[in-house]
């Protein structure tokens, strides 16, 4: 299957594309209109470190129709500086995309336009603030997470300075 790009929606905040049948560009309203079964109205009840309203990743994956060979998902920040690539089967059941607080879109100061979260993952750096793109792929994608303890400390020091 050829990697597909989502058609651009001027109101969109999140692209989901790659090895899928129906790549899509989701707006805040698109995410808010996902069936309530797949909504998490209060993320703090799942992971107390975060607040907001989220949609379950598995529903977004169902909407785009991953290819049979799809094995990985890469979450990329809006500025392109940070990305996390994890096995699709590992994160699809539990990962969330936080997109709002109450009835409002998630502000950039809170990690918007969207935030990727894998609750209970042993690596806290799997959370991606400023999420803009999810890419489904056959092979492992770009992963810029720190690989040493020193790099982790430096990354979190920079986050608290921002």
Protein backbone atom coordinates (compact mmCIF):
# COMPACT_ATOMS: atom_id res chain seq x y z
CA UNK A 1 0.00 0.00 0.00
CA UNK A 2 1.29 3.44 -0.93
CA UNK A 3 1.67 5.98 1.87
CA UNK A 4 -1.25 8.38 1.68
CA UNK A 5 -1.49 12.01 2.73
CA UNK A 6 -4.61 13.54 4.20
CA UNK A 7 -6.31 16.27 2.23
CA UNK A 8 -5.76 19.55 4.03
CA UNK A 9 -8.59 21.00 6.08
CA UNK A 10 -8.07 24.71 6.84
CA UNK A 11 -9.72 24.17 10.23
CA UNK A 12 -7.81 20.98 10.98
CA UNK A 13 -5.53 20.49 13.93
CA UNK A 14 -4.46 16.88 13.41
CA UNK A 15 -3.42 14.86 10.35
CA UNK A 16 -3.62 11.07 10.40
CA UNK A 17 -1.98 9.59 7.33
CA UNK A 18 0.52 7.09 5.98
CA UNK A 19 -0.28 3.38 5.49
CA UNK A 20 -4.04 3.85 5.56
CA UNK A 21 -7.01 3.77 3.21
CA UNK A 22 -8.69 7.03 4.24
CA UNK A 23 -6.12 9.57 5.48
CA UNK A 24 -7.88 12.41 7.28
CA UNK A 25 -7.33 15.87 8.67
CA UNK A 26 -9.36 16.36 11.86
CA UNK A 27 -10.60 19.67 13.23
CA UNK A 28 -11.55 20.34 16.85
CA UNK A 29 -15.20 19.80 15.90
CA UNK A 30 -14.41 16.53 14.10
CA UNK A 31 -12.73 15.22 17.24
CA UNK A 32 -15.53 16.48 19.49
CA UNK A 33 -18.13 14.71 17.31
CA UNK A 34 -16.51 11.28 17.59
CA UNK A 35 -19.00 8.96 19.30
CA UNK A 36 -19.10 9.42 23.07
CA UNK A 37 -17.99 5.82 23.65
CA UNK A 38 -14.55 6.84 22.33
CA UNK A 39 -14.42 10.13 24.24
CA UNK A 40 -12.61 10.65 27.52
CA UNK A 41 -14.29 13.73 29.03
CA UNK A 42 -11.78 14.05 31.89
CA UNK A 43 -8.28 12.76 31.16
CA UNK A 44 -7.24 13.33 34.78
CA UNK A 45 -9.30 10.27 35.71
CA UNK A 46 -7.00 8.19 33.49
CA UNK A 47 -3.70 9.97 34.22
CA UNK A 48 -3.67 12.63 36.94
CA UNK A 49 -0.72 14.45 35.34
CA UNK A 50 -2.94 15.71 32.51
CA UNK A 51 -6.25 17.50 32.14
CA UNK A 52 -8.61 17.93 29.27
CA UNK A 53 -10.92 16.12 26.94
CA UNK A 54 -9.62 13.36 24.66
CA UNK A 55 -10.56 10.87 21.99
CA UNK A 56 -9.21 7.33 21.98
CA UNK A 57 -6.51 6.70 19.39
CA UNK A 58 -8.05 3.37 18.38
CA UNK A 59 -11.11 5.21 16.98
CA UNK A 60 -8.98 7.55 14.89
CA UNK A 61 -7.10 4.53 13.55
CA UNK A 62 -10.41 2.84 12.68
CA UNK A 63 -11.55 5.98 10.85
CA UNK A 64 -8.49 6.07 8.59
CA UNK A 65 -8.42 2.30 7.95
CA UNK A 66 -4.83 1.15 8.47
CA UNK A 67 -3.29 -1.12 5.86
CA UNK A 68 -2.72 -4.80 6.62
CA UNK A 69 1.03 -4.22 6.88
CA UNK A 70 0.75 -1.24 9.26
CA UNK A 71 2.90 -1.92 12.34
CA UNK A 72 4.05 1.48 13.66
CA UNK A 73 2.60 4.86 14.56
CA UNK A 74 4.66 8.03 14.75
CA UNK A 75 3.35 11.05 16.65
CA UNK A 76 4.95 14.32 15.48
CA UNK A 77 4.89 17.74 17.10
CA UNK A 78 3.69 20.77 15.17
CA UNK A 79 7.18 22.28 15.00
CA UNK A 80 8.68 18.96 13.81
CA UNK A 81 11.30 18.94 16.57
CA UNK A 82 9.87 16.02 18.55
CA UNK A 83 8.49 12.69 17.42
CA UNK A 84 7.74 9.35 19.03
CA UNK A 85 7.40 6.07 17.16
CA UNK A 86 5.86 3.06 18.88
CA UNK A 87 4.38 -0.26 17.77
CA UNK A 88 0.76 0.26 16.74
CA UNK A 89 -0.49 -2.82 18.57
CA UNK A 90 1.17 -1.59 21.79
CA UNK A 91 -0.42 1.86 21.90
CA UNK A 92 -3.67 1.60 19.92
CA UNK A 93 -5.72 0.15 22.81
CA UNK A 94 -4.75 2.80 25.38
CA UNK A 95 -3.36 5.95 23.73
CA UNK A 96 -5.36 9.18 23.78
CA UNK A 97 -5.37 12.38 21.78
CA UNK A 98 -6.20 15.30 24.08
CA UNK A 99 -7.84 18.02 22.01
CA UNK A 100 -9.77 20.29 24.37
CA UNK A 101 -10.59 21.57 27.80
CA UNK A 102 -14.32 21.69 28.37
CA UNK A 103 -15.89 23.01 25.19
CA UNK A 104 -12.79 24.87 24.02
CA UNK A 105 -9.85 23.73 21.92
CA UNK A 106 -6.64 22.87 23.74
CA UNK A 107 -4.55 26.03 23.90
CA UNK A 108 -0.92 25.96 22.82
CA UNK A 109 0.09 26.95 26.36
CA UNK A 110 -1.51 23.67 27.50
CA UNK A 111 0.21 21.57 24.82
CA UNK A 112 -2.24 22.20 21.96
CA UNK A 113 -3.41 22.05 19.29
CA UNK A 114 -3.52 18.44 20.47
CA UNK A 115 -1.51 16.27 22.82
CA UNK A 116 -0.62 12.59 22.39
CA UNK A 117 -0.68 10.53 25.57
CA UNK A 118 0.06 6.86 26.22
CA UNK A 119 -1.16 6.33 29.80
CA UNK A 120 0.95 4.07 32.01
CA UNK A 121 3.79 3.83 29.47
CA UNK A 122 7.12 3.40 31.29
CA UNK A 123 8.71 6.23 29.27
CA UNK A 124 7.11 9.60 30.12
CA UNK A 125 8.63 11.01 26.93
CA UNK A 126 6.02 9.20 24.84
CA UNK A 127 3.67 12.13 25.50
CA UNK A 128 3.85 14.60 22.61
CA UNK A 129 2.65 18.14 23.19
CA UNK A 130 1.85 20.28 20.19
CA UNK A 131 0.75 17.14 18.32
CA UNK A 132 -0.06 17.86 14.69
CA UNK A 133 0.47 14.60 12.82
CA UNK A 134 0.12 10.85 13.29
CA UNK A 135 1.76 8.67 10.64
CA UNK A 136 0.91 4.98 10.34
CA UNK A 137 3.69 2.95 8.71
CA UNK A 138 5.08 -0.51 7.94
CA UNK A 139 8.52 0.31 9.26
CA UNK A 140 9.64 2.21 12.31
CA UNK A 141 9.48 5.96 11.82
CA UNK A 142 11.40 8.89 13.25
CA UNK A 143 11.80 8.87 17.04
CA UNK A 144 13.59 11.80 18.66
CA UNK A 145 13.08 10.80 22.29
CA UNK A 146 16.18 11.13 24.46
CA UNK A 147 18.19 7.93 24.69
CA UNK A 148 20.27 8.71 27.79
CA UNK A 149 19.41 9.88 31.28
CA UNK A 150 21.31 13.13 30.68
CA UNK A 151 19.32 13.84 27.51
CA UNK A 152 16.07 13.21 29.45
CA UNK A 153 17.11 15.64 32.19
CA UNK A 154 18.05 18.29 29.60
CA UNK A 155 14.76 17.88 27.70
CA UNK A 156 12.68 18.30 30.85
CA UNK A 157 14.81 21.25 31.97
CA UNK A 158 14.07 22.98 28.67
CA UNK A 159 10.33 22.24 29.02
CA UNK A 160 10.16 23.86 32.46
CA UNK A 161 12.07 26.88 31.13
CA UNK A 162 9.48 27.34 28.33
